[in-house]
Amino acid sequence: MSRKPKKRQPTSVLPMCATVGLFIGIGLGALMGEFVLVMLIGVAAGSALGFQLDRKNGISYGRRPKNPH
């Protein structure tokens, strides 16, 4: 009696990438002296990377189709 595994929805990596970008920006900003600017660049770069990875995995941030079949 084996069960079929349930199909799992892909998980978004955007929040994780944005958080990593924030921490990298905080570290580099402290070293470079431009704290806020480098932190914002890190968050933007992390968010862009996370968005691209989510698009590749089929995660949509827009409206869902009415008929997914």
Protein backbone atom coordinates (compact mmCIF):
# COMPACT_ATOMS: atom_id res chain seq x y z
CA MET A 1 0.00 0.00 0.00
CA SER A 2 2.03 2.89 -1.25
CA ARG A 3 0.74 6.40 -1.32
CA LYS A 4 1.35 8.84 -4.09
CA PRO A 5 3.30 11.81 -2.85
CA LYS A 6 1.32 15.03 -2.90
CA LYS A 7 2.46 17.60 -5.40
CA ARG A 8 4.08 20.39 -3.44
CA GLN A 9 3.79 24.03 -4.38
CA PRO A 10 7.11 25.75 -5.10
CA THR A 11 8.28 27.97 -2.24
CA SER A 12 9.22 31.58 -2.85
CA VAL A 13 12.87 32.51 -2.26
CA LEU A 14 12.30 36.26 -2.67
CA PRO A 15 12.07 37.08 1.08
CA MET A 16 15.20 35.07 1.83
CA CYS A 17 17.20 36.75 -0.95
CA ALA A 18 16.03 40.22 0.14
CA THR A 19 17.08 39.47 3.74
CA VAL A 20 20.49 38.22 2.65
CA GLY A 21 20.91 41.36 0.54
CA LEU A 22 20.00 43.47 3.58
CA PHE A 23 22.62 41.80 5.79
CA ILE A 24 25.30 41.97 3.11
CA GLY A 25 24.44 45.63 2.58
CA ILE A 26 24.70 46.32 6.32
CA GLY A 27 28.13 44.68 6.46
CA LEU A 28 29.49 46.37 3.36
CA GLY A 29 27.91 49.69 4.31
CA ALA A 30 29.70 49.67 7.65
CA LEU A 31 33.00 48.99 5.89
CA MET A 32 32.52 51.59 3.15
CA GLY A 33 30.98 54.40 5.18
CA GLU A 34 27.88 54.72 2.97
CA PHE A 35 25.56 52.75 5.20
CA VAL A 36 22.07 53.50 3.84
CA LEU A 37 22.98 53.60 0.15
CA VAL A 38 24.85 50.28 0.14
CA MET A 39 22.12 48.67 2.28
CA LEU A 40 19.43 49.73 -0.21
CA ILE A 41 21.52 48.48 -3.14
CA GLY A 42 21.94 45.12 -1.36
CA VAL A 43 18.19 44.80 -0.75
CA ALA A 44 17.42 45.74 -4.37
CA ALA A 45 19.95 43.26 -5.74
CA GLY A 46 18.68 40.49 -3.45
CA SER A 47 15.08 41.19 -4.40
CA ALA A 48 15.90 41.15 -8.11
CA LEU A 49 17.73 37.83 -7.76
CA GLY A 50 14.87 36.34 -5.73
CA PHE A 51 12.31 37.53 -8.27
CA GLN A 52 14.26 35.94 -11.14
CA LEU A 53 14.58 32.65 -9.25
CA ASP A 54 10.86 32.66 -8.46
CA ARG A 55 9.99 33.30 -12.12
CA LYS A 56 12.21 30.38 -13.10
CA ASN A 57 10.40 28.14 -10.58
CA GLY A 58 6.95 29.20 -11.84
CA ILE A 59 5.88 31.42 -8.95
CA SER A 60 3.69 34.29 -10.07
CA TYR A 61 3.14 37.53 -8.18
CA GLY A 62 0.28 38.67 -10.39
CA ARG A 63 -3.25 37.46 -10.80
CA ARG A 64 -3.83 33.74 -10.85
CA PRO A 65 -5.46 32.28 -13.94
CA LYS A 66 -9.17 31.48 -13.58
CA ASN A 67 -8.82 28.00 -15.04
CA PRO A 68 -5.48 26.45 -14.06
CA HIS A 69 -6.14 23.23 -16.02
